Amino acid sequence: MNIDGEGVRAEQQAVEYLLKEGYAVRDRNVEYPRRGEIDIVAEKGGAIIFVEVKSRGTDDFGDAVEAVDNAKRLKLLRAAEMYLNEHGLDDVEVRFDIIAVRNDVAEHIPNAFYGYWN
C-alpha cells in the first residue's frame, strides 16, 4: 500500500476492524524487495490471512477487487510464500483477503483470491 496519510488511516481502520472481528494481527507492512509487500498478516482459527488494504474514495477506477490485478496477486503470492517460509509456517490454511476502506467504512472481502494458493 502507498503509505501516505490516507493509506495509513485506511490500514489502521482495517487493523481495528480485524481485531474487532476476533482476528489476531501478526504483522503489518511486511516487505520483500523484488517480491512484494503484505499490508497485514492476520490469524484466525489457525488460518494465516494475508490482507491487502485498498483505500477507495469512489469506484471511478474500479472496485477494490479489480484494483488487485494479476500482477499484484502474483507479488502477494510470492511475498506470502516468503513470509510462510521465513516463519516456519508449514501446512497451515492460507487465505487472501481484501479490505476496502471507503468513507471510513471497512468492507471485508474474504477469500478474494480463492483458488490462487496451491
Protein backbone atom coordinates (compact mmCIF):
# COMPACT_ATOMS: atom_id res chain seq x y z
CA MET A 1 0.00 0.00 0.00
CA ASN A 2 1.16 3.52 -0.65
CA ILE A 3 1.87 4.72 2.86
CA ASP A 4 0.58 8.24 2.57
CA GLY A 5 -1.76 9.82 5.11
CA GLU A 6 -4.89 8.29 3.61
CA GLY A 7 -3.23 4.90 3.24
CA VAL A 8 -2.04 4.89 6.84
CA ARG A 9 -5.54 5.75 8.07
CA ALA A 10 -7.12 3.05 5.90
CA GLU A 11 -4.67 0.45 7.12
CA GLN A 12 -5.30 1.41 10.75
CA GLN A 13 -9.06 1.10 10.18
CA ALA A 14 -8.51 -2.31 8.63
CA VAL A 15 -6.49 -3.43 11.67
CA GLU A 16 -9.17 -2.14 14.05
CA TYR A 17 -11.85 -3.95 12.03
CA LEU A 18 -9.90 -7.24 12.11
CA LEU A 19 -9.29 -7.00 15.86
CA LYS A 20 -12.98 -6.29 16.47
CA GLU A 21 -13.86 -9.38 14.41
CA GLY A 22 -11.61 -11.61 16.50
CA TYR A 23 -8.53 -11.77 14.29
CA ALA A 24 -5.02 -11.58 15.71
CA VAL A 25 -2.75 -9.23 13.78
CA ARG A 26 0.68 -10.85 13.40
CA ASP A 27 2.45 -8.27 11.22
CA ARG A 28 1.98 -5.11 9.20
CA ASN A 29 3.79 -3.71 6.16
CA VAL A 30 5.96 -6.74 5.52
CA GLU A 31 8.24 -6.00 2.58
CA TYR A 32 10.28 -8.37 0.46
CA PRO A 33 12.31 -6.45 -2.13
CA ARG A 34 11.50 -7.53 -5.68
CA ARG A 35 8.87 -9.91 -4.30
CA GLY A 36 6.13 -7.72 -2.92
CA GLU A 37 4.59 -6.24 0.19
CA ILE A 38 1.94 -7.56 2.53
CA ASP A 39 -0.20 -4.89 4.18
CA ILE A 40 -1.45 -7.04 7.06
CA VAL A 41 -0.80 -10.61 8.16
CA ALA A 42 -3.59 -11.84 10.42
CA GLU A 43 -4.56 -15.11 12.02
CA LYS A 44 -7.90 -16.61 12.96
CA GLY A 45 -8.89 -20.17 13.68
CA GLY A 46 -5.44 -21.45 12.82
CA ALA A 47 -5.51 -19.87 9.35
CA ILE A 48 -2.99 -17.29 8.18
CA ILE A 49 -4.70 -14.46 6.32
CA PHE A 50 -2.80 -12.11 4.06
CA VAL A 51 -4.75 -8.88 3.77
CA GLU A 52 -4.45 -6.28 1.03
CA VAL A 53 -5.87 -2.91 2.09
CA LYS A 54 -7.34 -0.57 -0.51
CA SER A 55 -8.45 2.95 0.22
CA ARG A 56 -11.25 3.95 -2.12
CA GLY A 57 -12.92 7.32 -2.45
CA THR A 58 -15.16 6.21 -5.31
CA ASP A 59 -15.48 3.35 -7.76
CA ASP A 60 -14.37 5.62 -10.62
CA PHE A 61 -11.26 3.48 -11.06
CA GLY A 62 -12.96 0.14 -10.35
CA ASP A 63 -13.79 -1.62 -7.13
CA ALA A 64 -11.25 -2.92 -4.64
CA VAL A 65 -11.07 -6.44 -6.08
CA GLU A 66 -10.49 -5.08 -9.60
CA ALA A 67 -7.69 -2.90 -8.22
CA VAL A 68 -5.76 -6.05 -7.31
CA ASP A 69 -4.81 -7.24 -10.78
CA ASN A 70 -2.94 -10.41 -11.72
CA ALA A 71 0.47 -8.75 -11.40
CA LYS A 72 -0.36 -7.57 -7.85
CA ARG A 73 -1.74 -11.00 -6.95
CA LEU A 74 1.46 -12.65 -8.13
CA LYS A 75 3.52 -10.29 -5.96
CA LEU A 76 1.29 -11.03 -2.97
CA LEU A 77 1.60 -14.77 -3.56
CA ARG A 78 5.39 -14.52 -3.71
CA ALA A 79 5.53 -12.37 -0.59
CA ALA A 80 3.18 -14.76 1.24
CA GLU A 81 5.37 -17.71 0.31
CA MET A 82 8.43 -15.88 1.66
CA TYR A 83 6.57 -14.99 4.87
CA LEU A 84 5.41 -18.56 5.46
CA ASN A 85 8.91 -19.94 4.85
CA GLU A 86 10.57 -17.29 7.00
CA HIS A 87 8.23 -18.01 9.93
CA GLY A 88 8.25 -21.81 9.59
CA LEU A 89 4.53 -21.92 8.90
CA ASP A 90 4.18 -25.21 7.08
CA ASP A 91 0.91 -26.96 6.40
CA VAL A 92 -1.34 -24.09 7.51
CA GLU A 93 -4.53 -22.89 5.93
CA VAL A 94 -3.82 -19.75 3.90
CA ARG A 95 -6.28 -17.13 2.75
CA PHE A 96 -6.02 -13.86 0.83
CA ASP A 97 -8.48 -11.13 1.79
CA ILE A 98 -9.06 -7.56 0.72
CA ILE A 99 -10.30 -4.83 3.00
CA ALA A 100 -11.58 -1.81 1.12
CA VAL A 101 -11.95 1.35 3.17
CA ARG A 102 -14.27 3.98 1.78
CA ASN A 103 -15.57 6.97 3.72
CA ASP A 104 -14.25 5.47 6.97
CA VAL A 105 -16.17 2.21 6.42
CA ALA A 106 -14.25 -1.06 6.08
CA GLU A 107 -15.60 -3.65 3.66
CA HIS A 108 -14.06 -7.08 4.18
CA ILE A 109 -13.79 -9.42 1.19
CA PRO A 110 -12.66 -12.83 2.45
CA ASN A 111 -11.07 -15.29 0.01
CA ALA A 112 -10.66 -12.55 -2.58
CA PHE A 113 -8.08 -14.69 -4.38
CA TYR A 114 -9.80 -18.03 -3.89
CA GLY A 115 -8.06 -20.72 -5.90
CA TYR A 116 -4.76 -18.88 -6.26
CA TRP A 117 -2.94 -20.72 -3.48
CA ASN A 118 -1.59 -24.26 -4.10
